[in-house]
Amino acid sequence: MRGVLLLVLFPLSALGQTASWDSVTAYTDTLYRHSVVHLDPFILVEKERYSSREDYREFWRTRYYVNRILPYARQAITLLKATEDTLGSFDKRRQEKRYLRQTYKQLKNTYKEPLKQMYVEEGRIMVKIIERETGQPFYDLIKAYRGLDDALFWQGVAKLHGYSLKEGYDPEKEPYLEEILSAMEAPAD
């Protein structure tokens, strides 16, 4: 406010006029009335909330990764639900296996390259988002759709990178992820 007041007073004094408080107030009111900007909804984050600079950076890194992979995670959840519905319509296990094999080939051809370009952390966050939406550990999902051997293999790969597919999603272990996803789900006022 002080800077606006100085900018308003300077032009008036430069013209050799004396400014009264009434004219300055009227001028600033006119300025505010005509300069309305409409912004898209956004999330305010207080930097002081974080105990260290590293925590602050971790929050923004997680937010960046969530924004990058959320479309893929939503597609995966939609496909998972559609697959569950379709599998319920088959009479024989043989038909289910054939359907799963065909679906797997199509998905592999479609998403192999984009998924190969992801960072390990993006993959971990994607797994956590899917676990959050389905309510099941990712290990159980792999075991149900691809079999025990694939589940064990991917569990081993996850262990090499420092996390477990058997744990499931725990909001207390992932506070930044939970905060970001909750904020994205909240309706904008």
Foldseek 3Di string as FASTA:
>chain_A
DVVLLCVLQVVCVVVVHDDDPVVSVVVVVVVVVPDDDDDDDDDDDDPVVDPDPVRVVVLVVLLVLCVVCVVVLVVVLVVVVVLVVVLVPDDDPVVNLVVLVVVVVVCCVVCVVVVVPDDPVSVVLSQQSNLVVVVAQVLVVCCVRPNDVVSVVVQVVVVVVPDGSHPGHDCVVVVSSVVSVVVVPDDDD
